[in-house]
């Protein structure tokens, strides 16, 4: 018999009820009812992990559901309408999975609100229904074990291979003294107050968390200078998601002492005491900030940045979702690669297995942006190669003052040479005397052109001129790549090349194919 839901409430049969002293085992344990918790559970399940989710209510993600809105704290980029370059904010500033949930929520609100005089209550029911609909298939398959009305009371650790690891978490039912335990190969602290992290002894260490402090993000701009020479904040090579945070709206300036005091209180609450007139540029989330260095086996949610001066801003729902979605995929990929109790920390263990590359490619295939581009949708057929080549620094933006990739812009010979050299792991040439009179030592692509020519990948149009600004056609790029990688040319050009101009999206797709080859 299939478990169902009624008006946003799951049937009692959907919940597991451990008995006193019982210990359950699972691949991934998620604790908490935040958006991070839900996003982590959903992404882990959809990537093949088996999950146990423990929360304090029988309503899935109750604190989030009661807000009855998925867009109440959206930032300006996420609110961007679809007529801007044909890409709405919900198609580049959040993941495909997150956007589809929002679409489903809006559809349910329209369906339920027809003729109703209680829109707020129906919004709550619609959101709860949308969240439950995603989980029900996994509950019925036995891949998701839900435990309700329980809170964590202790985190047990033990030394394994001289590494302190989380062994299990002890829970207590809210309305009784009955206790039970859950052991997971990986545990996510997705509580709103980092409860597990505070219960761990010795105290938790997160080596990558300092990178998420405003000074390290390097993305501070003044509000009185809206146009900046650099549009992006920190873009980490181990990115597992994108984020953008905006301070909450402050009351307008008024001469009254009461209002001045109110503004001061809001600034303190928002962590704006040292950067009151500033905002963060869009940045990415580093994997190192999600994985605890000690104890091992513990993943963290957005609430773990409690030491950061902007921690209240990290409670914004899009930020929490991005963090949780990344954590769930991290756990699923690690478990898929065989992570249980290796003799190395998770981050170190992933490196020789190319686990971070596999993780990033999986996130991109799931429609999770890892680099900031506002003109490439996660539904774009070239989304994965464009994002991945940007992460690797092989094909990136042409200007740093905006977030555009410009996928339809034609590719010049200098840009093509630069992409080839970026893909190459050898040293670049920078000779004292230039080989071509139209590419001087001061040309932006000088080293790339000299290196590409020296390696025999490209040649000048004449003996004296390279013509760096000349636009390439698909046929010309085919001839170049056929010399460089003849065995891969069939996958790079599934269709016969034409005389059409080569676009930046084509370049990213070709370089991605060469990278994988």
Protein backbone atom coordinates (compact mmCIF):
# COMPACT_ATOMS: atom_id res chain seq x y z
CA UNK A 1 0.00 0.00 0.00
CA UNK A 2 1.39 3.36 -1.03
CA UNK A 3 1.75 6.05 1.63
CA UNK A 4 -0.12 9.25 0.80
CA UNK A 5 -0.55 12.76 2.14
CA UNK A 6 -3.68 14.75 2.93
CA UNK A 7 -3.76 18.56 2.92
CA UNK A 8 0.01 18.74 3.34
CA UNK A 9 0.21 16.18 6.15
CA UNK A 10 1.88 12.79 5.64
CA UNK A 11 0.11 9.68 6.88
CA UNK A 12 1.41 8.22 10.14
CA UNK A 13 2.76 5.24 8.22
CA UNK A 14 5.32 7.57 6.60
CA UNK A 15 7.21 7.85 9.89
CA UNK A 16 9.57 5.42 11.57
CA UNK A 17 9.22 5.22 15.36
CA UNK A 18 12.35 3.76 17.02
CA UNK A 19 11.82 2.13 20.40
CA UNK A 20 13.69 2.95 23.61
CA UNK A 21 17.40 2.16 23.30
CA UNK A 22 17.14 1.15 19.63
CA UNK A 23 19.98 2.01 17.25
CA UNK A 24 19.19 2.55 13.59
CA UNK A 25 21.73 2.61 10.75
CA UNK A 26 21.70 4.54 7.51
CA UNK A 27 24.05 5.90 4.90
CA UNK A 28 23.31 9.55 5.57
CA UNK A 29 21.77 11.10 8.68
CA UNK A 30 20.18 14.55 8.38
CA UNK A 31 19.16 16.41 11.53
CA UNK A 32 17.02 19.55 11.48
CA UNK A 33 14.00 21.09 9.75
CA UNK A 34 15.62 23.96 7.84
CA UNK A 35 15.61 24.52 4.06
CA UNK A 36 19.18 23.17 4.18
CA UNK A 37 17.88 19.91 5.64
CA UNK A 38 15.18 19.47 3.00
CA UNK A 39 17.47 20.36 0.09
CA UNK A 40 20.14 17.98 1.38
CA UNK A 41 17.68 15.12 1.80
CA UNK A 42 16.22 15.60 -1.67
CA UNK A 43 19.57 15.92 -3.47
CA UNK A 44 21.07 12.93 -1.62
CA UNK A 45 18.04 10.75 -2.42
CA UNK A 46 17.99 11.74 -6.07
CA UNK A 47 21.67 10.86 -6.31
CA UNK A 48 21.16 7.36 -4.93
CA UNK A 49 21.84 7.64 -1.19
CA UNK A 50 19.64 6.18 1.54
CA UNK A 51 18.75 8.81 4.13
CA UNK A 52 17.42 9.01 7.67
CA UNK A 53 15.91 12.41 8.44
CA UNK A 54 15.14 13.36 12.04
CA UNK A 55 13.22 16.53 12.84
CA UNK A 56 11.17 17.96 15.68
CA UNK A 57 7.79 18.03 13.92
CA UNK A 58 5.52 15.74 11.94
CA UNK A 59 5.27 18.50 9.31
CA UNK A 60 8.21 18.27 6.94
CA UNK A 61 10.44 21.35 7.35
CA UNK A 62 7.77 22.97 9.53
CA UNK A 63 9.50 26.33 10.29
CA UNK A 64 10.04 26.82 6.56
CA UNK A 65 6.52 25.70 5.63
CA UNK A 66 4.92 28.11 8.09
CA UNK A 67 6.57 31.03 6.29
CA UNK A 68 4.33 30.01 3.36
CA UNK A 69 6.64 31.62 0.82
CA UNK A 70 9.58 30.42 -1.24
CA UNK A 71 10.56 33.89 -2.39
CA UNK A 72 10.16 36.15 0.64
CA UNK A 73 13.90 36.80 1.01
CA UNK A 74 15.06 36.53 -2.60
CA UNK A 75 17.95 38.80 -3.58
CA UNK A 76 17.85 41.19 -6.54
CA UNK A 77 19.50 38.79 -8.99
CA UNK A 78 17.01 36.06 -8.15
CA UNK A 79 14.10 38.48 -8.67
CA UNK A 80 15.32 39.43 -12.16
CA UNK A 81 12.45 39.01 -14.67
CA UNK A 82 12.60 36.65 -17.60
CA UNK A 83 12.57 39.30 -20.31
CA UNK A 84 16.17 40.22 -19.43
CA UNK A 85 18.16 38.35 -22.08
CA UNK A 86 15.46 35.69 -21.89
CA UNK A 87 16.91 34.28 -18.65
CA UNK A 88 14.94 34.87 -15.46
CA UNK A 89 16.67 34.97 -12.08
CA UNK A 90 15.17 31.60 -11.14
CA UNK A 91 16.98 30.01 -14.08
CA UNK A 92 20.51 31.12 -13.25
CA UNK A 93 20.64 32.25 -9.58
CA UNK A 94 19.26 29.00 -8.12
CA UNK A 95 19.32 25.36 -9.18
CA UNK A 96 16.94 23.55 -11.51
CA UNK A 97 15.66 21.45 -8.61
CA UNK A 98 14.92 24.54 -6.52
CA UNK A 99 13.17 26.30 -9.40
CA UNK A 100 10.96 23.30 -10.16
CA UNK A 101 9.86 23.19 -6.53
CA UNK A 102 8.92 26.87 -6.75
CA UNK A 103 6.98 26.26 -9.95
CA UNK A 104 5.11 23.38 -8.34
CA UNK A 105 4.32 25.50 -5.28
CA UNK A 106 2.89 28.30 -7.45
CA UNK A 107 0.76 25.84 -9.41
CA UNK A 108 -0.68 24.37 -6.22
CA UNK A 109 -1.43 27.83 -4.80
CA UNK A 110 -3.38 28.73 -7.94
CA UNK A 111 -5.27 25.44 -7.84
CA UNK A 112 -6.13 25.60 -4.14
CA UNK A 113 -6.88 29.31 -3.91
CA UNK A 114 -9.68 29.27 -6.48
CA UNK A 115 -12.69 30.65 -4.64
CA UNK A 116 -10.97 30.60 -1.26
CA UNK A 117 -11.00 33.40 1.30
CA UNK A 118 -7.99 32.08 3.31
CA UNK A 119 -4.97 32.59 1.02
CA UNK A 120 -2.38 32.43 3.82
CA UNK A 121 -3.55 29.04 5.08
CA UNK A 122 -3.73 27.68 1.56
CA UNK A 123 -0.21 28.91 0.86
CA UNK A 124 0.98 26.85 3.82
CA UNK A 125 -0.88 23.78 2.55
CA UNK A 126 0.45 24.30 -0.97
CA UNK A 127 4.07 24.52 0.17
CA UNK A 128 3.74 21.50 2.47
CA UNK A 129 2.14 19.53 -0.35
CA UNK A 130 4.86 20.50 -2.81
CA UNK A 131 7.60 19.45 -0.38
CA UNK A 132 5.92 16.15 0.45
CA UNK A 133 5.31 15.27 -3.21
CA UNK A 134 9.05 15.19 -3.84
CA UNK A 135 9.69 12.88 -0.89
CA UNK A 136 6.82 10.39 -1.16
CA UNK A 137 8.37 8.22 -3.92
CA UNK A 138 11.50 7.72 -1.78
CA UNK A 139 9.47 6.96 1.34
CA UNK A 140 7.50 4.33 -0.55
CA UNK A 141 10.70 2.85 -2.00
CA UNK A 142 12.21 2.59 1.49
CA UNK A 143 15.11 4.93 0.70
CA UNK A 144 13.95 7.67 3.10
CA UNK A 145 13.38 6.97 6.79
CA UNK A 146 11.52 9.86 8.45
CA UNK A 147 11.57 10.25 12.23
CA UNK A 148 9.39 12.99 13.73
CA UNK A 149 9.08 14.80 17.08
CA UNK A 150 12.64 14.04 18.21
CA UNK A 151 15.60 16.27 19.10
CA UNK A 152 19.32 15.47 19.39
CA UNK A 153 20.71 15.25 22.91
CA UNK A 154 24.23 13.90 22.33
CA UNK A 155 26.78 13.33 19.59
CA UNK A 156 29.00 10.28 20.10
CA UNK A 157 32.50 10.23 18.62
CA UNK A 158 35.28 7.66 18.54
CA UNK A 159 38.84 7.45 17.23
CA UNK A 160 39.29 5.42 14.05
CA UNK A 161 42.63 5.34 12.24
CA UNK A 162 43.70 8.07 14.69
CA UNK A 163 40.95 10.32 13.39
CA UNK A 164 38.08 11.50 15.56
CA UNK A 165 34.81 10.55 13.88
CA UNK A 166 31.13 11.00 14.56
CA UNK A 167 29.83 7.55 15.44
CA UNK A 168 26.16 8.24 16.08
CA UNK A 169 23.66 10.76 17.36
CA UNK A 170 21.41 10.15 20.36
CA UNK A 171 17.85 11.52 20.16
CA UNK A 172 14.99 11.99 22.59
CA UNK A 173 11.31 12.22 21.73
CA UNK A 174 9.94 15.65 22.59
CA UNK A 175 6.97 14.39 24.60
CA UNK A 176 8.72 11.59 26.47
CA UNK A 177 12.07 10.50 27.92
CA UNK A 178 12.48 7.72 25.38
CA UNK A 179 15.87 7.80 23.69
CA UNK A 180 17.18 6.12 20.57
CA UNK A 181 20.28 6.42 18.40
CA UNK A 182 21.01 6.73 14.69
CA UNK A 183 24.32 5.86 13.08
CA UNK A 184 25.13 7.32 9.66
CA UNK A 185 28.28 7.07 7.59
CA UNK A 186 27.90 10.82 7.09
CA UNK A 187 25.87 13.18 9.28
CA UNK A 188 24.54 16.61 8.32
CA UNK A 189 23.91 19.16 11.05
CA UNK A 190 21.06 21.06 9.41
CA UNK A 191 19.61 22.46 12.62
CA UNK A 192 18.91 26.19 12.67
CA UNK A 193 21.28 26.72 15.62
CA UNK A 194 24.04 24.19 14.78
CA UNK A 195 22.96 21.96 17.67
CA UNK A 196 25.14 18.99 16.73
CA UNK A 197 28.19 21.15 16.17
CA UNK A 198 27.83 22.61 19.66
CA UNK A 199 27.42 19.16 21.26
CA UNK A 200 30.57 17.71 19.71
CA UNK A 201 33.61 17.28 21.92
CA UNK A 202 36.29 18.32 21.16
CA UNK A 203 34.90 21.51 19.56
CA UNK A 204 34.25 21.39 15.85
CA UNK A 205 36.86 22.66 13.39
CA UNK A 206 36.05 23.95 9.92
CA UNK A 207 39.16 24.95 8.03
CA UNK A 208 37.29 26.41 5.08
CA UNK A 209 34.84 28.53 7.07
CA UNK A 210 37.22 31.48 7.29
CA UNK A 211 36.96 31.78 3.52
CA UNK A 212 33.33 32.78 3.99
CA UNK A 213 34.16 35.87 6.04
CA UNK A 214 33.49 39.15 4.18
CA UNK A 215 37.18 40.19 4.02
CA UNK A 216 38.21 36.84 2.52
CA UNK A 217 35.33 36.84 0.06
CA UNK A 218 36.83 39.97 -1.44
CA UNK A 219 33.44 41.04 -2.69
CA UNK A 220 32.63 44.18 -0.77
CA UNK A 221 31.30 47.14 -2.72
CA UNK A 222 29.89 50.40 -1.49
CA UNK A 223 26.20 51.12 -1.92
CA UNK A 224 27.02 54.65 -3.05
CA UNK A 225 29.05 53.18 -5.93
CA UNK A 226 26.60 50.77 -7.56
CA UNK A 227 28.73 50.22 -10.68
CA UNK A 228 31.89 48.39 -9.76
CA UNK A 229 34.86 47.38 -11.87
CA UNK A 230 34.42 43.81 -10.63
CA UNK A 231 31.02 42.14 -10.57
CA UNK A 232 31.97 38.88 -8.82
CA UNK A 233 33.20 38.20 -5.35
CA UNK A 234 35.27 35.13 -4.50
CA UNK A 235 34.91 32.27 -6.99
CA UNK A 236 36.41 29.15 -5.37
CA UNK A 237 37.90 26.36 -7.48
CA UNK A 238 36.18 23.77 -5.25
CA UNK A 239 32.82 25.53 -5.68
CA UNK A 240 29.73 23.48 -4.86
CA UNK A 241 27.17 26.25 -5.33
CA UNK A 242 26.58 29.95 -5.81
CA UNK A 243 25.35 32.50 -3.28
CA UNK A 244 24.43 36.14 -3.01
CA UNK A 245 23.41 37.87 0.20
CA UNK A 246 21.84 41.28 0.67
CA UNK A 247 21.38 43.13 3.96
CA UNK A 248 17.77 43.37 5.14
CA UNK A 249 15.81 46.50 4.38
CA UNK A 250 16.52 49.20 6.94
CA UNK A 251 14.00 51.92 7.88
CA UNK A 252 14.54 55.21 6.02
CA UNK A 253 16.69 57.79 7.75
CA UNK A 254 14.67 59.89 10.20
CA UNK A 255 15.86 62.48 12.68
CA UNK A 256 14.11 60.82 15.62
CA UNK A 257 16.34 59.17 18.21
CA UNK A 258 13.99 56.19 18.36
CA UNK A 259 14.38 55.41 14.67
CA UNK A 260 18.14 55.93 14.78
CA UNK A 261 18.29 53.42 17.60
CA UNK A 262 16.16 51.00 15.57
CA UNK A 263 18.52 51.27 12.59
CA UNK A 264 21.45 50.59 14.89
CA UNK A 265 19.77 47.47 16.27
CA UNK A 266 19.04 46.16 12.78
CA UNK A 267 22.61 46.71 11.71
CA UNK A 268 23.87 44.73 14.68
CA UNK A 269 21.37 41.93 14.02
CA UNK A 270 22.34 41.87 10.36
CA UNK A 271 26.04 41.78 11.15
CA UNK A 272 26.54 45.14 9.46
CA UNK A 273 28.54 46.84 12.19
CA UNK A 274 31.79 46.88 10.20
CA UNK A 275 30.41 47.13 6.65
CA UNK A 276 27.16 49.03 7.12
CA UNK A 277 27.20 50.80 3.78
CA UNK A 278 28.42 47.82 1.79
CA UNK A 279 27.10 44.72 0.10
CA UNK A 280 28.63 41.43 -0.96
CA UNK A 281 29.18 40.65 -4.59
CA UNK A 282 27.91 37.25 -5.80
CA UNK A 283 30.29 34.54 -4.61
CA UNK A 284 30.53 30.75 -4.61
CA UNK A 285 30.43 28.20 -1.79
CA UNK A 286 33.70 26.29 -1.22
CA UNK A 287 33.46 22.59 -0.47
CA UNK A 288 35.91 23.05 2.40
CA UNK A 289 33.35 25.17 4.29
CA UNK A 290 30.75 22.37 4.20
CA UNK A 291 32.96 19.55 5.49
CA UNK A 292 34.13 19.65 9.10
CA UNK A 293 37.87 19.07 9.48
CA UNK A 294 37.26 17.60 12.93
CA UNK A 295 35.42 15.51 13.86
CA UNK A 296 35.35 13.56 10.60
CA UNK A 297 32.06 12.45 9.07
CA UNK A 298 30.16 15.63 9.93
CA UNK A 299 28.76 17.95 7.26
CA UNK A 300 27.53 21.42 8.07
CA UNK A 301 24.66 23.66 7.02
CA UNK A 302 24.46 27.41 6.52
CA UNK A 303 23.78 27.93 10.23
CA UNK A 304 27.35 26.85 10.93
CA UNK A 305 28.67 30.25 9.84
CA UNK A 306 27.52 31.56 13.22
CA UNK A 307 30.95 33.05 13.86
CA UNK A 308 30.77 35.17 10.73
CA UNK A 309 29.68 38.75 11.25
CA UNK A 310 26.97 38.34 8.61
CA UNK A 311 25.55 35.11 10.03
CA UNK A 312 21.95 36.40 10.31
CA UNK A 313 22.02 37.02 6.57
CA UNK A 314 22.91 33.35 6.08
CA UNK A 315 19.42 32.47 7.28
CA UNK A 316 18.07 33.57 3.91
CA UNK A 317 16.31 30.67 2.21
CA UNK A 318 18.14 30.67 -1.16
CA UNK A 319 21.49 30.55 0.65
CA UNK A 320 20.33 27.71 2.92
CA UNK A 321 18.97 25.76 -0.04
CA UNK A 322 22.21 26.06 -2.02
CA UNK A 323 24.23 24.90 0.97
CA UNK A 324 21.97 21.95 1.75
CA UNK A 325 21.77 20.83 -1.87
CA UNK A 326 25.56 20.81 -2.04
CA UNK A 327 25.89 18.87 1.23
CA UNK A 328 23.42 16.21 0.09
CA UNK A 329 25.28 15.70 -3.18
CA UNK A 330 28.64 15.60 -1.38
CA UNK A 331 27.34 12.80 0.82
CA UNK A 332 25.83 10.85 -2.09
CA UNK A 333 29.01 11.06 -4.19
CA UNK A 334 31.26 10.13 -1.25
CA UNK A 335 29.09 7.12 -0.45
CA UNK A 336 28.99 6.13 -4.13
CA UNK A 337 32.80 6.16 -4.16
CA UNK A 338 32.89 3.86 -1.13
CA UNK A 339 33.33 6.27 1.77
CA UNK A 340 32.65 4.62 5.13
CA UNK A 341 35.65 4.82 7.45
CA UNK A 342 38.77 5.50 5.38
CA UNK A 343 42.03 6.34 7.09
CA UNK A 344 41.97 9.86 5.65
CA UNK A 345 39.70 12.89 6.13
CA UNK A 346 36.96 13.18 3.52
CA UNK A 347 38.50 16.11 1.61
CA UNK A 348 41.90 14.38 1.41
CA UNK A 349 40.30 11.06 0.54
CA UNK A 350 38.38 12.56 -2.40
CA UNK A 351 41.45 14.03 -4.12
CA UNK A 352 43.16 10.92 -5.56
CA UNK A 353 39.77 9.54 -6.63
CA UNK A 354 39.01 12.71 -8.62
CA UNK A 355 36.04 12.92 -6.29
CA UNK A 356 35.78 16.71 -6.40
CA UNK A 357 35.63 16.69 -10.21
CA UNK A 358 32.98 13.96 -10.10
CA UNK A 359 31.06 15.93 -7.47
CA UNK A 360 31.12 19.14 -9.49
CA UNK A 361 30.07 17.41 -12.69
CA UNK A 362 27.18 15.72 -10.87
CA UNK A 363 26.04 19.04 -9.42
CA UNK A 364 26.14 20.61 -12.88
CA UNK A 365 24.21 17.71 -14.41
CA UNK A 366 21.60 18.27 -11.71
CA UNK A 367 21.34 21.90 -12.82
CA UNK A 368 23.23 23.42 -9.88
CA UNK A 369 25.20 26.55 -10.95
CA UNK A 370 28.78 26.61 -9.65
CA UNK A 371 29.96 29.83 -11.31
CA UNK A 372 28.13 33.11 -11.70
CA UNK A 373 26.73 33.70 -15.19
CA UNK A 374 23.46 35.59 -15.55
CA UNK A 375 22.86 34.86 -19.25
CA UNK A 376 23.14 31.05 -19.22
CA UNK A 377 20.15 29.15 -17.86
CA UNK A 378 20.49 25.83 -16.05
CA UNK A 379 18.19 24.55 -18.81
CA UNK A 380 20.67 25.60 -21.51
CA UNK A 381 21.94 22.58 -23.50
CA UNK A 382 25.51 23.84 -22.98
CA UNK A 383 25.07 24.64 -19.28
CA UNK A 384 27.45 21.91 -18.07
CA UNK A 385 30.40 22.68 -20.38
CA UNK A 386 30.05 26.45 -19.95
CA UNK A 387 29.99 26.18 -16.15
CA UNK A 388 32.71 23.56 -15.90
CA UNK A 389 35.13 25.34 -18.23
CA UNK A 390 34.61 28.53 -16.21
CA UNK A 391 35.39 26.64 -12.99
CA UNK A 392 38.63 25.38 -14.50
CA UNK A 393 39.56 28.81 -15.82
CA UNK A 394 39.67 27.55 -19.41
CA UNK A 395 36.80 29.57 -20.94
CA UNK A 396 35.53 32.37 -18.77
CA UNK A 397 33.88 35.74 -19.07
CA UNK A 398 35.34 38.39 -21.34
CA UNK A 399 34.72 41.19 -18.84
CA UNK A 400 34.88 41.21 -15.07
CA UNK A 401 32.55 44.17 -14.65
CA UNK A 402 29.42 42.10 -15.28
CA UNK A 403 28.14 38.52 -14.84
CA UNK A 404 27.69 37.76 -18.56
CA UNK A 405 29.17 34.82 -20.44
CA UNK A 406 27.89 36.01 -23.83
CA UNK A 407 27.30 32.53 -25.27
CA UNK A 408 26.45 33.78 -28.78
CA UNK A 409 29.50 36.06 -29.17
CA UNK A 410 31.85 34.94 -32.00
CA UNK A 411 35.29 33.60 -31.06
CA UNK A 412 38.48 35.21 -32.33
CA UNK A 413 41.72 33.42 -33.09
CA UNK A 414 43.32 34.94 -29.97
CA UNK A 415 40.47 33.70 -27.76
CA UNK A 416 40.71 30.22 -29.30
CA UNK A 417 44.48 30.11 -28.73
CA UNK A 418 43.98 31.22 -25.12
CA UNK A 419 41.44 28.46 -24.47
CA UNK A 420 43.79 25.82 -25.89
CA UNK A 421 46.65 27.04 -23.71
CA UNK A 422 44.42 27.24 -20.63
CA UNK A 423 43.52 23.60 -21.23
CA UNK A 424 47.19 22.68 -21.50
CA UNK A 425 49.06 22.00 -18.25
CA UNK A 426 52.51 23.02 -19.52
CA UNK A 427 54.38 26.30 -19.15
CA UNK A 428 53.50 29.28 -21.30
CA UNK A 429 56.06 30.88 -23.59
CA UNK A 430 56.84 34.56 -23.26
CA UNK A 431 59.74 35.21 -25.64
CA UNK A 432 61.57 38.52 -25.70
CA UNK A 433 60.91 38.94 -29.42
CA UNK A 434 57.38 38.42 -30.79
CA UNK A 435 56.83 36.00 -33.65
CA UNK A 436 54.18 38.21 -35.29
CA UNK A 437 54.07 41.92 -35.89
CA UNK A 438 50.38 42.14 -34.95
CA UNK A 439 50.79 40.39 -31.55
CA UNK A 440 53.27 42.44 -29.53
CA UNK A 441 54.62 41.60 -26.09
CA UNK A 442 51.94 43.93 -24.68
CA UNK A 443 49.01 42.18 -26.35
CA UNK A 444 46.66 40.53 -23.84
CA UNK A 445 47.01 37.14 -25.61
CA UNK A 446 50.74 37.34 -26.34
CA UNK A 447 51.79 34.35 -24.20
CA UNK A 448 48.85 32.25 -25.42
CA UNK A 449 49.52 32.93 -29.10
CA UNK A 450 53.25 32.22 -28.76
CA UNK A 451 52.58 29.01 -26.84
CA UNK A 452 49.93 27.75 -29.28
CA UNK A 453 52.18 28.42 -32.26
CA UNK A 454 55.25 26.91 -30.59
CA UNK A 455 53.28 23.69 -29.85
CA UNK A 456 52.09 23.49 -33.44
CA UNK A 457 48.42 23.91 -32.57
CA UNK A 458 47.93 27.07 -34.60
CA UNK A 459 49.91 29.09 -37.11
CA UNK A 460 49.89 32.61 -38.52
CA UNK A 461 47.75 33.57 -41.48
CA UNK A 462 50.97 34.89 -43.02
CA UNK A 463 54.59 34.63 -41.95
CA UNK A 464 54.39 38.05 -40.29
CA UNK A 465 50.78 38.22 -39.05
CA UNK A 466 48.67 36.04 -36.75
CA UNK A 467 45.45 38.11 -37.14
CA UNK A 468 44.40 37.67 -33.47
CA UNK A 469 41.04 39.45 -33.90
CA UNK A 470 39.89 37.46 -36.92
CA UNK A 471 36.75 35.41 -36.17
CA UNK A 472 36.98 31.64 -36.59
CA UNK A 473 34.43 29.51 -38.38
CA UNK A 474 33.39 26.05 -37.27
CA UNK A 475 35.26 24.55 -40.22
CA UNK A 476 38.48 26.34 -39.26
CA UNK A 477 38.19 25.20 -35.63
CA UNK A 478 37.59 21.65 -36.90
CA UNK A 479 40.83 21.74 -38.88
CA UNK A 480 42.78 22.97 -35.86
CA UNK A 481 41.35 20.36 -33.48
CA UNK A 482 41.76 17.55 -36.01
CA UNK A 483 45.53 18.13 -35.85
CA UNK A 484 45.55 18.35 -32.05
CA UNK A 485 43.18 15.49 -31.10
CA UNK A 486 42.26 13.34 -34.12
CA UNK A 487 40.89 10.54 -31.93
CA UNK A 488 38.41 12.88 -30.23
CA UNK A 489 37.26 14.82 -33.28
CA UNK A 490 34.19 12.63 -33.80
CA UNK A 491 32.81 13.44 -30.34
CA UNK A 492 33.68 17.13 -30.67
CA UNK A 493 31.84 17.45 -33.99
CA UNK A 494 28.90 15.00 -34.05
CA UNK A 495 27.63 16.97 -37.07
CA UNK A 496 29.79 18.00 -40.07
CA UNK A 497 31.32 21.45 -39.50
CA UNK A 498 29.97 24.42 -41.44
CA UNK A 499 31.17 27.89 -42.36
CA UNK A 500 29.09 29.41 -39.57
CA UNK A 501 30.97 31.54 -37.07
CA UNK A 502 32.25 29.77 -33.98
CA UNK A 503 30.45 31.00 -30.85
CA UNK A 504 31.61 31.08 -27.24
CA UNK A 505 29.16 28.32 -26.34
CA UNK A 506 30.72 26.18 -29.10
CA UNK A 507 34.18 26.90 -27.73
CA UNK A 508 33.17 25.85 -24.21
CA UNK A 509 31.62 22.65 -25.52
CA UNK A 510 34.75 21.78 -27.53
CA UNK A 511 37.15 22.49 -24.68
CA UNK A 512 34.96 20.42 -22.33
CA UNK A 513 35.13 17.50 -24.76
CA UNK A 514 38.92 17.81 -24.98
CA UNK A 515 39.16 18.05 -21.18
CA UNK A 516 37.22 14.82 -20.71
CA UNK A 517 39.15 13.09 -23.50
